[in-house]
Amino acid sequence: MKKNKNRRHALGASMAELGPAMFAFFLFILFPLINFLTMATGASTLYLLTKQAASKAGSSTTFGQGLIAADEAAYSIETGGFGKFAKLVPIGGFNGSGVDLYITETNINTNVSTRNGPNTPFVTNPVDPDVYLYSYDAVATFEIGPFMELGGIPWIGSVPGVGLPARLTYTASEQVEHPEGIITGIAPADIPDSRNHNQNINGHFDSAL
């Protein structure tokens, strides 16, 4: 009888300890891990976005068309399924897209490179494909929001990617297919409507758009 009583006492003590242990596990291990996975998804999505923006610009006939193509590529991925899941929010960039487009010229003989921009046509030197190689550099800056709001949790609430949005910047380059077009800018009438991204003063995300 006494042994059974001791067993029940031990079992009750174990059950009493299980609750706080599970609470700590979910709060400090599982939920932050979920946010880390969201962060990884967002980083991969942002990498794809940057590559796509550079690729679309590189195949454009003029620099102005490249700007529009990069803007549209970024917007399409940002508002797609992965972009919404990662709560991507653009920071600055042409037309609020989060992407700035540069032109880099590299001297074939000296291998010296010069970056021009952002978001302006090439005016530094006469275009000479026999002497220079030209590339478009897409620089994308976005914030990735945590999947679960943990900003109020001690110790982890102030960690970017866990309790707060994390800001990442990627750069991708693509060879210019039409060097003669890099001097042609974009007409004001051709600039797409500015993107409307809502973000409150605390850095948390009100909505994807």
Protein backbone atom coordinates (compact mmCIF):
# COMPACT_ATOMS: atom_id res chain seq x y z
CA MET A 1 0.00 0.00 0.00
CA LYS A 2 2.79 2.33 0.88
CA LYS A 3 4.60 1.52 -2.39
CA ASN A 4 1.51 2.39 -4.44
CA LYS A 5 1.17 5.64 -2.58
CA ASN A 6 4.80 6.53 -3.34
CA ARG A 7 4.31 5.67 -6.98
CA ARG A 8 1.25 7.93 -7.24
CA HIS A 9 3.20 10.70 -5.54
CA ALA A 10 6.09 10.33 -7.99
CA LEU A 11 3.70 10.25 -10.95
CA GLY A 12 1.93 13.37 -9.73
CA ALA A 13 5.26 15.18 -9.32
CA SER A 14 6.30 14.17 -12.84
CA MET A 15 3.02 15.44 -14.31
CA ALA A 16 3.39 18.70 -12.40
CA GLU A 17 6.85 19.19 -13.89
CA LEU A 18 5.74 18.28 -17.41
CA GLY A 19 3.58 21.38 -17.85
CA PRO A 20 6.31 23.99 -17.27
CA ALA A 21 8.78 21.88 -19.27
CA MET A 22 6.45 21.74 -22.29
CA PHE A 23 5.75 25.46 -21.96
CA ALA A 24 9.47 26.23 -22.01
CA PHE A 25 10.01 23.83 -24.92
CA PHE A 26 7.36 25.47 -27.10
CA LEU A 27 8.25 29.04 -26.16
CA PHE A 28 12.04 28.90 -26.31
CA ILE A 29 12.75 26.04 -28.73
CA LEU A 30 9.90 25.07 -31.05
CA PHE A 31 8.48 28.53 -31.86
CA PRO A 32 11.92 30.12 -32.49
CA LEU A 33 12.82 27.11 -34.66
CA ILE A 34 9.70 27.69 -36.76
CA ASN A 35 10.74 31.33 -37.19
CA PHE A 36 14.25 30.26 -38.19
CA LEU A 37 12.75 28.01 -40.88
CA THR A 38 10.67 30.95 -42.10
CA MET A 39 13.84 33.02 -42.19
CA ALA A 40 15.57 30.38 -44.31
CA THR A 41 12.62 30.28 -46.69
CA GLY A 42 12.63 34.07 -46.93
CA ALA A 43 16.37 34.21 -47.59
CA SER A 44 16.05 31.64 -50.39
CA THR A 45 13.09 33.51 -51.87
CA LEU A 46 14.99 36.78 -51.75
CA TYR A 47 17.96 35.16 -53.50
CA LEU A 48 15.63 33.95 -56.27
CA LEU A 49 14.03 37.40 -56.48
CA THR A 50 17.41 39.09 -56.91
CA LYS A 51 18.53 36.62 -59.58
CA GLN A 52 15.28 37.05 -61.48
CA ALA A 53 15.47 40.84 -61.36
CA ALA A 54 19.01 40.81 -62.76
CA SER A 55 18.12 38.23 -65.42
CA LYS A 56 15.08 40.18 -66.65
CA ALA A 57 17.11 43.38 -66.79
CA GLY A 58 19.97 41.71 -68.66
CA SER A 59 17.78 40.60 -71.54
CA SER A 60 16.03 43.96 -71.90
CA THR A 61 16.64 46.16 -74.94
CA THR A 62 17.22 49.38 -72.96
CA PHE A 63 18.13 50.32 -69.43
CA GLY A 64 14.67 51.83 -68.93
CA GLN A 65 13.03 48.58 -69.94
CA GLY A 66 15.44 46.76 -67.64
CA LEU A 67 14.30 48.87 -64.71
CA ILE A 68 10.67 48.04 -65.40
CA ALA A 69 11.45 44.34 -65.89
CA ALA A 70 13.39 44.16 -62.63
CA ASP A 71 10.57 45.96 -60.80
CA GLU A 72 7.96 43.56 -62.17
CA ALA A 73 10.06 40.48 -61.38
CA ALA A 74 10.58 41.60 -57.79
CA TYR A 75 6.91 42.45 -57.32
CA SER A 76 5.77 39.12 -58.74
CA ILE A 77 7.89 37.06 -56.35
CA GLU A 78 7.27 39.32 -53.36
CA THR A 79 3.50 38.96 -53.71
CA GLY A 80 3.65 35.26 -54.57
CA GLY A 81 3.15 32.38 -52.17
CA PHE A 82 6.69 32.18 -50.82
CA GLY A 83 7.01 35.97 -50.58
CA LYS A 84 3.83 36.23 -48.53
CA PHE A 85 4.81 33.28 -46.34
CA ALA A 86 8.15 34.95 -45.56
CA LYS A 87 6.44 38.35 -45.11
CA LEU A 88 8.85 40.04 -47.50
CA VAL A 89 8.75 43.83 -47.30
CA PRO A 90 10.92 45.87 -49.70
CA ILE A 91 13.22 48.56 -48.34
CA GLY A 92 13.72 51.46 -50.74
CA GLY A 93 14.68 50.57 -54.29
CA PHE A 94 13.37 51.81 -57.61
CA ASN A 95 9.67 52.57 -57.38
CA GLY A 96 9.55 51.05 -53.90
CA SER A 97 10.36 47.61 -55.29
CA GLY A 98 13.27 46.97 -52.94
CA VAL A 99 15.58 46.56 -55.96
CA ASP A 100 18.16 49.06 -57.21
CA LEU A 101 19.69 48.52 -60.64
CA TYR A 102 23.31 49.44 -61.36
CA ILE A 103 25.45 49.25 -64.50
CA THR A 104 28.98 47.95 -64.13
CA GLU A 105 31.54 48.43 -66.89
CA THR A 106 34.68 46.30 -66.84
CA ASN A 107 37.72 47.13 -68.94
CA ILE A 108 38.71 43.98 -70.80
CA ASN A 109 42.40 44.93 -70.85
CA THR A 110 42.87 46.15 -67.27
CA ASN A 111 40.04 44.21 -65.57
CA VAL A 112 39.12 47.41 -63.72
CA SER A 113 35.39 47.75 -62.99
CA THR A 114 33.30 50.85 -62.37
CA ARG A 115 29.76 50.77 -61.03
CA ASN A 116 27.25 53.40 -62.15
CA GLY A 117 23.85 54.18 -60.67
CA PRO A 118 21.58 53.32 -59.11
CA ASN A 119 18.56 53.46 -61.42
CA THR A 120 20.10 55.86 -63.95
CA PRO A 121 21.21 55.15 -67.52
CA PHE A 122 24.88 54.89 -68.39
CA VAL A 123 26.48 58.28 -69.08
CA THR A 124 30.06 57.87 -67.81
CA ASN A 125 31.82 56.98 -71.08
CA PRO A 126 30.87 56.26 -74.69
CA VAL A 127 29.58 52.71 -74.96
CA ASP A 128 32.33 50.52 -76.45
CA PRO A 129 31.68 46.76 -76.35
CA ASP A 130 35.11 46.13 -77.90
CA VAL A 131 36.86 47.53 -74.83
CA TYR A 132 34.34 47.08 -72.01
CA LEU A 133 32.03 44.40 -70.69
CA TYR A 134 28.73 45.67 -69.30
CA SER A 135 26.56 44.04 -66.66
CA TYR A 136 23.41 44.90 -64.75
CA ASP A 137 23.73 44.54 -60.98
CA ALA A 138 20.46 44.08 -59.10
CA VAL A 139 20.77 44.93 -55.40
CA ALA A 140 17.70 43.83 -53.43
CA THR A 141 17.05 44.85 -49.83
CA PHE A 142 14.08 43.35 -48.00
CA GLU A 143 12.93 42.62 -44.50
CA ILE A 144 11.80 39.10 -43.65
CA GLY A 145 9.16 38.89 -40.95
CA PRO A 146 8.97 36.13 -38.32
CA PHE A 147 6.18 33.61 -38.81
CA MET A 148 5.15 33.90 -35.16
CA GLU A 149 5.19 37.13 -33.17
CA LEU A 150 7.71 36.60 -30.36
CA GLY A 151 8.76 40.21 -29.87
CA GLY A 152 7.52 40.26 -26.28
CA ILE A 153 9.48 37.20 -25.18
CA PRO A 154 12.55 37.96 -22.99
CA TRP A 155 15.99 37.26 -24.48
CA ILE A 156 14.72 36.10 -27.88
CA GLY A 157 12.26 38.91 -28.62
CA SER A 158 14.98 41.28 -29.82
CA VAL A 159 16.73 38.74 -32.07
CA PRO A 160 16.25 39.54 -35.80
CA GLY A 161 14.55 36.67 -37.56
CA VAL A 162 13.17 35.26 -34.31
CA GLY A 163 11.36 38.09 -32.55
CA LEU A 164 11.89 40.92 -35.03
CA PRO A 165 12.07 41.25 -38.83
CA ALA A 166 15.52 40.63 -40.29
CA ARG A 167 16.89 42.85 -43.06
CA LEU A 168 18.83 41.13 -45.84
CA THR A 169 20.56 42.45 -48.96
CA TYR A 170 21.48 40.34 -51.98
CA THR A 171 23.31 41.30 -55.17
CA ALA A 172 23.07 39.49 -58.51
CA SER A 173 24.73 40.37 -61.82
CA GLU A 174 23.76 39.61 -65.39
CA GLN A 175 25.58 40.38 -68.61
CA VAL A 176 23.97 43.14 -70.70
CA GLU A 177 22.70 41.62 -73.95
CA HIS A 178 22.13 44.99 -75.64
CA PRO A 179 24.96 47.37 -74.62
CA GLU A 180 23.75 50.06 -76.99
CA GLY A 181 20.60 50.41 -74.89
CA ILE A 182 22.21 51.20 -71.54
CA ILE A 183 22.20 54.92 -72.31
CA THR A 184 18.42 54.99 -72.71
CA GLY A 185 16.49 55.76 -69.56
CA ILE A 186 12.83 55.46 -68.71
CA ALA A 187 10.12 57.95 -69.58
CA PRO A 188 8.16 59.22 -66.56
CA ALA A 189 4.93 58.01 -68.16
CA ASP A 190 6.31 54.46 -68.31
CA ILE A 191 7.10 54.20 -64.60
CA PRO A 192 4.69 51.70 -62.98
CA ASP A 193 2.50 52.82 -60.11
CA SER A 194 4.41 52.92 -56.85
CA ARG A 195 3.95 49.82 -54.75
CA ASN A 196 1.93 50.24 -51.55
CA HIS A 197 3.65 48.33 -48.78
CA ASN A 198 2.22 48.74 -45.28
CA GLN A 199 4.57 48.55 -42.33
CA ASN A 200 3.99 50.11 -38.93
CA ILE A 201 6.51 52.11 -36.95
CA ASN A 202 7.49 49.13 -34.78
CA GLY A 203 8.77 47.21 -37.79
CA HIS A 204 6.00 44.62 -37.69
CA PHE A 205 3.99 43.82 -40.76
CA ASP A 206 0.40 44.99 -41.11
CA SER A 207 -0.12 43.25 -44.47
CA ALA A 208 1.86 42.00 -47.43
CA LEU A 209 0.57 44.87 -49.57
